[in-house]
C-alpha cells in the first residue's frame, strides 16, 4: 500500500491508527479530521512517507521535532489548523504549507534544513518574518507571506 486516505473520519488521535512502523506508505492524508496535537516521533518511523496532509484539523500544538525523520518529506501540509506558535521545530521537507493558521511568531530555534524549499504562510497573523528561520543556505523557490500583518522582513536574502 503506497497511498492511504483517512480524511473526514472524525479522527481525534492518529495514534489510534496503529500503523505498522515498517509500512511502505508514501502518501498519507489525514485531512478534515479532529486532530488537536502532533506528538514527537510519531511519524519518524515512517521512512517511506513522502507526502503528509494534516490540513483542516484542529491542531494547535506541534511537539518539538515532530517531523524530524531519517528520510525527507517532499510535502507537509499543516494548513488551516489552529497553530499559533512553532517552538523548536525542524522542517526537513521541500514544500511546507502552514497557510490559514494563527501563526504569530517563529521561535528562534525553528528552522528549515532543506536546501530547496517552497513555503506557504498565507493567512496567518505574522508581524515579521525573521531571517533565522532558515539556518542553512536555503534556495527559496517560493514563499507566500500574503494576508499577514508583516511590517518587518529581517535578513531575507532575496
N, C-alpha and C. Protein backbone atom coordinates (compact mmCIF):
# COMPACT_ATOMS: atom_id res chain seq x y z
N UNK A 1 0.85 -1.19 0.00
CA UNK A 1 0.00 0.00 0.00
C UNK A 1 0.89 1.24 0.00
N UNK A 2 0.72 2.11 -1.00
CA UNK A 2 1.55 3.31 -1.11
C UNK A 2 0.81 4.58 -0.73
N UNK A 3 -0.52 4.57 -0.82
CA UNK A 3 -1.31 5.76 -0.53
C UNK A 3 -2.48 5.39 0.37
N UNK A 4 -2.67 6.18 1.42
CA UNK A 4 -3.75 5.92 2.38
C UNK A 4 -4.46 7.23 2.68
N UNK A 5 -5.74 7.29 2.39
CA UNK A 5 -6.55 8.48 2.67
C UNK A 5 -7.55 8.15 3.77
N UNK A 6 -7.44 8.90 4.85
CA UNK A 6 -8.32 8.72 6.01
C UNK A 6 -8.93 10.07 6.38
N UNK A 7 -9.43 10.79 5.40
CA UNK A 7 -10.00 12.10 5.67
C UNK A 7 -11.48 11.99 6.04
N UNK A 8 -11.95 13.01 6.75
CA UNK A 8 -13.36 13.10 7.18
C UNK A 8 -13.82 11.88 7.97
N UNK A 9 -12.99 11.40 8.87
CA UNK A 9 -13.36 10.25 9.70
C UNK A 9 -13.57 10.63 11.16
N UNK A 10 -13.48 11.91 11.46
CA UNK A 10 -13.59 12.41 12.84
C UNK A 10 -12.51 11.82 13.75
N UNK A 11 -11.35 11.51 13.18
CA UNK A 11 -10.23 11.00 14.00
C UNK A 11 -9.78 12.08 14.96
N UNK A 12 -9.62 11.71 16.21
CA UNK A 12 -9.14 12.65 17.22
C UNK A 12 -7.71 12.37 17.63
N UNK A 13 -7.25 11.16 17.36
CA UNK A 13 -5.91 10.78 17.76
C UNK A 13 -5.32 9.85 16.70
N UNK A 14 -4.32 10.28 16.00
CA UNK A 14 -3.74 9.46 14.93
C UNK A 14 -3.04 8.23 15.47
N UNK A 15 -2.71 8.21 16.75
CA UNK A 15 -2.08 7.03 17.33
C UNK A 15 -3.03 5.83 17.35
N UNK A 16 -4.32 6.11 17.28
CA UNK A 16 -5.31 5.03 17.23
C UNK A 16 -5.24 4.24 15.93
N UNK A 17 -4.53 4.76 14.97
CA UNK A 17 -4.42 4.08 13.67
C UNK A 17 -3.56 2.82 13.76
N UNK A 18 -2.60 2.80 14.66
CA UNK A 18 -1.70 1.66 14.85
C UNK A 18 -1.06 1.22 13.53
N UNK A 19 -0.48 2.18 12.84
CA UNK A 19 0.20 1.85 11.58
C UNK A 19 1.48 1.08 11.86
N UNK A 20 1.73 0.10 11.07
CA UNK A 20 2.95 -0.68 11.18
C UNK A 20 4.14 0.25 10.88
N UNK A 21 5.12 0.32 11.77
CA UNK A 21 6.26 1.21 11.55
C UNK A 21 7.05 0.88 10.27
N UNK A 22 6.93 -0.33 9.79
CA UNK A 22 7.64 -0.74 8.58
C UNK A 22 6.77 -0.63 7.33
N UNK A 23 5.70 0.14 7.42
CA UNK A 23 4.81 0.26 6.26
C UNK A 23 5.52 0.95 5.10
N UNK A 24 4.96 0.84 3.93
CA UNK A 24 5.54 1.43 2.71
C UNK A 24 4.69 2.59 2.19
N UNK A 25 3.89 3.16 3.07
CA UNK A 25 3.01 4.26 2.67
C UNK A 25 3.84 5.48 2.31
N UNK A 26 3.62 6.00 1.11
CA UNK A 26 4.31 7.20 0.65
C UNK A 26 3.45 8.45 0.81
N UNK A 27 2.14 8.27 0.74
CA UNK A 27 1.21 9.39 0.81
C UNK A 27 0.16 9.08 1.86
N UNK A 28 0.10 9.93 2.91
CA UNK A 28 -0.88 9.76 3.98
C UNK A 28 -1.70 11.03 4.11
N UNK A 29 -3.00 10.89 3.97
CA UNK A 29 -3.92 12.01 4.04
C UNK A 29 -4.82 11.85 5.26
N UNK A 30 -4.59 12.69 6.26
CA UNK A 30 -5.40 12.71 7.48
C UNK A 30 -6.17 14.03 7.59
N UNK A 31 -6.46 14.65 6.47
CA UNK A 31 -7.13 15.94 6.46
C UNK A 31 -8.59 15.83 6.90
N UNK A 32 -9.13 16.97 7.29
CA UNK A 32 -10.55 17.08 7.65
C UNK A 32 -10.96 16.12 8.77
N UNK A 33 -10.10 16.03 9.78
CA UNK A 33 -10.40 15.24 10.96
C UNK A 33 -10.44 16.16 12.17
N UNK A 34 -10.31 15.61 13.35
CA UNK A 34 -10.40 16.39 14.59
C UNK A 34 -9.10 16.30 15.39
N UNK A 35 -7.98 16.13 14.71
CA UNK A 35 -6.69 16.04 15.39
C UNK A 35 -6.36 17.37 16.05
N UNK A 36 -5.83 17.32 17.28
CA UNK A 36 -5.54 18.54 18.02
C UNK A 36 -4.06 18.79 18.27
N UNK A 37 -3.25 17.76 18.29
CA UNK A 37 -1.82 17.94 18.52
C UNK A 37 -1.04 16.86 17.81
N UNK A 38 0.22 17.15 17.56
CA UNK A 38 1.13 16.21 16.91
C UNK A 38 2.24 15.89 17.90
N UNK A 39 2.35 14.62 18.24
CA UNK A 39 3.37 14.20 19.20
C UNK A 39 4.71 13.93 18.52
N UNK A 40 5.74 14.12 19.28
CA UNK A 40 7.10 13.90 18.81
C UNK A 40 7.29 12.43 18.39
N UNK A 41 7.99 12.24 17.31
CA UNK A 41 8.44 10.93 16.82
C UNK A 41 7.35 10.03 16.26
N UNK A 42 6.10 10.47 16.21
CA UNK A 42 5.08 9.56 15.70
C UNK A 42 5.35 9.21 14.23
N UNK A 43 5.74 10.17 13.44
CA UNK A 43 5.97 9.94 12.02
C UNK A 43 7.42 9.58 11.72
N UNK A 44 8.27 9.59 12.71
CA UNK A 44 9.71 9.36 12.48
C UNK A 44 10.03 7.95 11.99
N UNK A 45 9.18 6.99 12.28
CA UNK A 45 9.44 5.61 11.85
C UNK A 45 8.87 5.31 10.47
N UNK A 46 8.13 6.26 9.91
CA UNK A 46 7.54 6.08 8.58
C UNK A 46 8.55 6.51 7.52
N UNK A 47 9.55 5.68 7.29
CA UNK A 47 10.64 6.04 6.40
C UNK A 47 10.25 6.18 4.94
N UNK A 48 9.15 5.60 4.52
CA UNK A 48 8.71 5.71 3.14
C UNK A 48 7.84 6.93 2.89
N UNK A 49 7.35 7.56 3.95
CA UNK A 49 6.41 8.66 3.84
C UNK A 49 7.03 9.86 3.13
N UNK A 50 6.35 10.34 2.08
CA UNK A 50 6.83 11.49 1.30
C UNK A 50 5.85 12.65 1.33
N UNK A 51 4.55 12.36 1.41
CA UNK A 51 3.51 13.38 1.40
C UNK A 51 2.61 13.17 2.61
N UNK A 52 2.53 14.17 3.47
CA UNK A 52 1.72 14.09 4.68
C UNK A 52 0.76 15.27 4.71
N UNK A 53 -0.53 14.97 4.68
CA UNK A 53 -1.55 16.00 4.68
C UNK A 53 -2.30 15.97 6.00
N UNK A 54 -2.11 17.02 6.79
CA UNK A 54 -2.79 17.18 8.08
C UNK A 54 -3.65 18.44 8.07
N UNK A 55 -4.04 18.90 6.89
CA UNK A 55 -4.79 20.15 6.77
C UNK A 55 -6.22 20.00 7.30
N UNK A 56 -6.79 21.14 7.64
CA UNK A 56 -8.18 21.22 8.09
C UNK A 56 -8.49 20.27 9.24
N UNK A 57 -7.62 20.32 10.26
CA UNK A 57 -7.87 19.64 11.51
C UNK A 57 -8.04 20.73 12.57
N UNK A 58 -7.80 20.41 13.79
CA UNK A 58 -7.89 21.38 14.88
C UNK A 58 -6.55 21.47 15.62
N UNK A 59 -5.48 21.20 14.92
CA UNK A 59 -4.15 21.13 15.53
C UNK A 59 -3.75 22.49 16.08
N UNK A 60 -3.43 22.52 17.36
CA UNK A 60 -2.98 23.75 17.99
C UNK A 60 -1.56 23.62 18.53
N UNK A 61 -1.08 22.37 18.66
CA UNK A 61 0.27 22.18 19.21
C UNK A 61 1.02 21.12 18.41
N UNK A 62 2.24 21.45 18.08
CA UNK A 62 3.14 20.53 17.39
C UNK A 62 4.35 20.35 18.29
N UNK A 63 4.53 19.15 18.83
CA UNK A 63 5.66 18.92 19.74
C UNK A 63 6.99 19.10 19.01
N UNK A 64 8.02 19.34 19.79
CA UNK A 64 9.36 19.57 19.28
C UNK A 64 9.81 18.43 18.37
N UNK A 65 10.25 18.79 17.20
CA UNK A 65 10.81 17.84 16.20
C UNK A 65 9.85 16.72 15.82
N UNK A 66 8.59 17.03 15.72
CA UNK A 66 7.59 16.03 15.36
C UNK A 66 7.79 15.45 13.97
N UNK A 67 8.41 16.22 13.09
CA UNK A 67 8.55 15.77 11.70
C UNK A 67 10.00 15.51 11.32
N UNK A 68 10.84 15.33 12.31
CA UNK A 68 12.25 15.02 12.06
C UNK A 68 12.37 13.52 11.77
N UNK A 69 12.64 13.17 10.53
CA UNK A 69 12.73 11.78 10.12
C UNK A 69 14.06 11.54 9.42
N UNK A 70 14.40 10.28 9.23
CA UNK A 70 15.62 9.94 8.50
C UNK A 70 15.50 10.33 7.04
N UNK A 71 14.33 10.11 6.48
CA UNK A 71 14.09 10.47 5.08
C UNK A 71 13.28 11.74 5.00
N UNK A 72 13.58 12.55 4.02
CA UNK A 72 12.93 13.83 3.87
C UNK A 72 11.53 13.69 3.30
N UNK A 73 10.58 14.39 3.90
CA UNK A 73 9.25 14.50 3.33
C UNK A 73 9.33 15.43 2.12
N UNK A 74 8.59 15.13 1.08
CA UNK A 74 8.52 16.06 -0.04
C UNK A 74 7.55 17.18 0.28
N UNK A 75 6.41 16.84 0.89
CA UNK A 75 5.40 17.86 1.20
C UNK A 75 4.75 17.59 2.55
N UNK A 76 4.66 18.65 3.35
CA UNK A 76 3.99 18.61 4.64
C UNK A 76 2.94 19.70 4.65
N UNK A 77 1.69 19.30 4.77
CA UNK A 77 0.58 20.25 4.73
C UNK A 77 -0.07 20.33 6.11
N UNK A 78 0.15 21.45 6.78
CA UNK A 78 -0.46 21.73 8.08
C UNK A 78 -1.41 22.92 7.97
N UNK A 79 -1.90 23.18 6.79
CA UNK A 79 -2.73 24.36 6.56
C UNK A 79 -4.09 24.25 7.24
N UNK A 80 -4.61 25.41 7.58
CA UNK A 80 -5.94 25.56 8.14
C UNK A 80 -6.16 24.72 9.39
N UNK A 81 -5.29 24.98 10.36
CA UNK A 81 -5.39 24.42 11.69
C UNK A 81 -5.43 25.60 12.66
N UNK A 82 -5.06 25.39 13.89
CA UNK A 82 -5.06 26.45 14.91
C UNK A 82 -3.66 26.67 15.48
N UNK A 83 -2.65 26.47 14.69
CA UNK A 83 -1.27 26.60 15.15
C UNK A 83 -0.92 28.08 15.30
N UNK A 84 -0.47 28.47 16.49
CA UNK A 84 -0.12 29.87 16.72
C UNK A 84 1.38 30.05 16.95
N UNK A 85 2.06 28.98 17.31
CA UNK A 85 3.48 29.10 17.62
C UNK A 85 4.18 27.80 17.24
N UNK A 86 5.34 27.92 16.64
CA UNK A 86 6.16 26.75 16.32
C UNK A 86 7.43 26.85 17.14
N UNK A 87 7.54 26.01 18.13
CA UNK A 87 8.70 26.08 19.01
C UNK A 87 9.67 24.95 18.70
N UNK A 88 10.91 25.31 18.49
CA UNK A 88 11.99 24.33 18.27
C UNK A 88 11.61 23.23 17.29
N UNK A 89 11.11 23.58 16.14
CA UNK A 89 10.79 22.58 15.15
C UNK A 89 11.73 22.67 13.97
N UNK A 90 12.10 21.52 13.46
CA UNK A 90 12.95 21.44 12.29
C UNK A 90 12.12 20.82 11.19
N UNK A 91 12.01 21.53 10.09
CA UNK A 91 11.23 21.05 8.97
C UNK A 91 12.16 20.60 7.86
N UNK A 92 12.18 19.32 7.61
CA UNK A 92 13.01 18.74 6.56
C UNK A 92 12.10 18.27 5.45
N UNK A 93 11.67 19.22 4.61
CA UNK A 93 10.75 18.90 3.52
C UNK A 93 10.97 19.90 2.40
N UNK A 94 10.42 19.63 1.24
CA UNK A 94 10.55 20.55 0.11
C UNK A 94 9.42 21.56 0.07
N UNK A 95 8.23 21.14 0.48
CA UNK A 95 7.07 22.04 0.47
C UNK A 95 6.44 22.01 1.86
N UNK A 96 6.34 23.17 2.48
CA UNK A 96 5.72 23.30 3.79
C UNK A 96 4.54 24.26 3.66
N UNK A 97 3.35 23.77 3.97
CA UNK A 97 2.16 24.61 3.88
C UNK A 97 1.61 24.84 5.28
N UNK A 98 1.73 26.08 5.74
CA UNK A 98 1.19 26.48 7.04
C UNK A 98 0.15 27.59 6.86
N UNK A 99 -0.43 27.69 5.69
CA UNK A 99 -1.43 28.73 5.40
C UNK A 99 -2.66 28.56 6.29
N UNK A 100 -3.29 29.69 6.61
CA UNK A 100 -4.57 29.64 7.31
C UNK A 100 -4.51 29.21 8.75
N UNK A 101 -3.38 29.40 9.40
CA UNK A 101 -3.27 29.12 10.83
C UNK A 101 -3.33 30.44 11.59
N UNK A 102 -2.92 30.43 12.82
CA UNK A 102 -2.87 31.65 13.64
C UNK A 102 -1.44 31.97 14.03
N UNK A 103 -0.49 31.65 13.15
CA UNK A 103 0.92 31.88 13.46
C UNK A 103 1.18 33.36 13.71
N UNK A 104 1.79 33.62 14.86
CA UNK A 104 2.15 34.98 15.20
C UNK A 104 3.66 35.17 15.18
N UNK A 105 4.38 34.11 15.55
CA UNK A 105 5.84 34.22 15.58
C UNK A 105 6.47 32.86 15.40
N UNK A 106 7.74 32.91 15.08
CA UNK A 106 8.56 31.70 14.99
C UNK A 106 9.60 31.79 16.09
N UNK A 107 9.74 30.72 16.85
CA UNK A 107 10.82 30.68 17.83
C UNK A 107 12.15 30.68 17.10
N UNK A 108 13.18 31.19 17.73
CA UNK A 108 14.49 31.26 17.09
C UNK A 108 15.06 29.90 16.74
N UNK A 109 14.53 28.86 17.34
CA UNK A 109 15.05 27.52 17.08
C UNK A 109 14.27 26.79 16.00
N UNK A 110 13.25 27.42 15.43
CA UNK A 110 12.52 26.80 14.32
C UNK A 110 13.31 27.04 13.04
N UNK A 111 13.67 25.98 12.38
CA UNK A 111 14.48 26.14 11.18
C UNK A 111 14.02 25.22 10.06
N UNK A 112 14.38 25.60 8.87
CA UNK A 112 14.20 24.77 7.69
C UNK A 112 15.57 24.24 7.34
N UNK A 113 15.70 22.94 7.14
CA UNK A 113 17.02 22.39 6.85
C UNK A 113 17.18 22.00 5.39
N UNK A 114 16.10 21.92 4.66
CA UNK A 114 16.21 21.54 3.27
C UNK A 114 16.84 22.66 2.45
N UNK A 115 17.56 22.32 1.41
CA UNK A 115 18.24 23.32 0.62
C UNK A 115 17.44 23.80 -0.59
N UNK A 116 16.29 23.24 -0.84
CA UNK A 116 15.48 23.59 -2.00
C UNK A 116 14.04 23.65 -1.53
N UNK A 117 13.51 24.84 -1.24
CA UNK A 117 12.35 24.94 -0.38
C UNK A 117 11.25 25.85 -0.93
N UNK A 118 10.01 25.45 -0.69
CA UNK A 118 8.83 26.24 -1.02
C UNK A 118 7.96 26.33 0.24
N UNK A 119 7.54 27.53 0.60
CA UNK A 119 6.77 27.70 1.84
C UNK A 119 5.53 28.55 1.62
N UNK A 120 4.45 28.16 2.31
CA UNK A 120 3.19 28.89 2.24
C UNK A 120 2.79 29.29 3.66
N UNK A 121 2.85 30.59 3.92
CA UNK A 121 2.48 31.14 5.23
C UNK A 121 1.30 32.11 5.10
N UNK A 122 0.57 32.01 4.02
CA UNK A 122 -0.56 32.88 3.73
C UNK A 122 -1.62 32.78 4.83
N UNK A 123 -2.30 33.90 5.08
CA UNK A 123 -3.43 33.96 6.02
C UNK A 123 -3.07 33.52 7.43
N UNK A 124 -2.05 34.13 7.99
CA UNK A 124 -1.68 33.93 9.38
C UNK A 124 -1.72 35.29 10.07
N UNK A 125 -1.09 35.39 11.21
CA UNK A 125 -1.05 36.64 11.97
C UNK A 125 0.39 37.14 12.11
N UNK A 126 1.25 36.74 11.19
CA UNK A 126 2.68 37.11 11.28
C UNK A 126 2.87 38.62 11.19
N UNK A 127 3.71 39.15 12.08
CA UNK A 127 4.06 40.56 12.05
C UNK A 127 5.46 40.77 11.51
N UNK A 128 6.27 39.72 11.57
CA UNK A 128 7.60 39.78 10.97
C UNK A 128 8.00 38.38 10.52
N UNK A 129 8.88 38.35 9.57
CA UNK A 129 9.42 37.06 9.12
C UNK A 129 10.92 37.11 9.30
N UNK A 130 11.41 36.46 10.34
CA UNK A 130 12.83 36.58 10.70
C UNK A 130 13.75 35.74 9.82
N UNK A 131 14.93 36.25 9.57
CA UNK A 131 15.91 35.56 8.76
C UNK A 131 16.45 34.30 9.39
N UNK A 132 16.39 34.18 10.71
CA UNK A 132 16.94 32.99 11.35
C UNK A 132 16.09 31.76 11.08
N UNK A 133 14.90 31.93 10.51
CA UNK A 133 14.03 30.78 10.25
C UNK A 133 14.70 29.78 9.34
N UNK A 134 15.49 30.25 8.42
CA UNK A 134 16.23 29.32 7.58
C UNK A 134 17.70 29.41 7.96
N UNK A 135 18.18 28.34 8.55
CA UNK A 135 19.50 28.28 9.16
C UNK A 135 20.61 28.04 8.12
N UNK A 136 20.37 27.11 7.23
CA UNK A 136 21.36 26.81 6.20
C UNK A 136 21.16 27.72 5.01
N UNK A 137 22.01 27.59 4.04
CA UNK A 137 21.86 28.36 2.80
C UNK A 137 20.74 27.73 1.98
N UNK A 138 19.54 28.20 2.19
CA UNK A 138 18.35 27.65 1.55
C UNK A 138 18.11 28.36 0.22
N UNK A 139 17.75 27.59 -0.77
CA UNK A 139 17.29 28.17 -2.02
C UNK A 139 15.77 28.23 -1.90
N UNK A 140 15.24 29.41 -1.68
CA UNK A 140 13.81 29.56 -1.54
C UNK A 140 13.19 29.61 -2.93
N UNK A 141 12.56 28.52 -3.33
CA UNK A 141 11.88 28.50 -4.62
C UNK A 141 10.74 29.51 -4.62
N UNK A 142 9.92 29.45 -3.59
CA UNK A 142 8.83 30.41 -3.47
C UNK A 142 8.40 30.50 -2.02
N UNK A 143 7.93 31.67 -1.66
CA UNK A 143 7.41 31.88 -0.31
C UNK A 143 6.20 32.79 -0.41
N UNK A 144 5.11 32.37 0.21
CA UNK A 144 3.87 33.15 0.19
C UNK A 144 3.62 33.68 1.59
N UNK A 145 3.76 34.98 1.75
CA UNK A 145 3.53 35.64 3.03
C UNK A 145 2.30 36.55 2.97
N UNK A 146 1.48 36.40 1.95
CA UNK A 146 0.33 37.28 1.76
C UNK A 146 -0.71 37.12 2.88
N UNK A 147 -1.49 38.16 3.04
CA UNK A 147 -2.58 38.21 4.02
C UNK A 147 -2.09 37.99 5.45
N UNK A 148 -0.97 38.62 5.79
CA UNK A 148 -0.42 38.67 7.14
C UNK A 148 -0.34 40.12 7.56
N UNK A 149 0.21 40.38 8.73
CA UNK A 149 0.40 41.73 9.23
C UNK A 149 1.87 42.11 9.23
N UNK A 150 2.61 41.58 8.28
CA UNK A 150 4.07 41.75 8.26
C UNK A 150 4.46 43.20 8.00
N UNK A 151 5.31 43.70 8.89
CA UNK A 151 5.86 45.03 8.75
C UNK A 151 7.38 44.98 8.66
N UNK A 152 7.96 43.85 9.09
CA UNK A 152 9.41 43.73 9.11
C UNK A 152 9.84 42.42 8.46
N UNK A 153 10.73 42.50 7.50
CA UNK A 153 11.39 41.33 6.92
C UNK A 153 12.86 41.44 7.29
N UNK A 154 13.30 40.54 8.15
CA UNK A 154 14.68 40.61 8.64
C UNK A 154 15.58 39.63 7.88
N UNK A 155 16.71 40.14 7.44
CA UNK A 155 17.78 39.31 6.88
C UNK A 155 17.31 38.39 5.77
N UNK A 156 16.35 38.81 4.98
CA UNK A 156 15.93 37.98 3.85
C UNK A 156 16.95 38.14 2.73
N UNK A 157 17.43 37.05 2.25
CA UNK A 157 18.40 37.04 1.15
C UNK A 157 17.64 36.84 -0.14
N UNK A 158 17.11 37.92 -0.68
CA UNK A 158 16.27 37.83 -1.88
C UNK A 158 17.08 38.17 -3.11
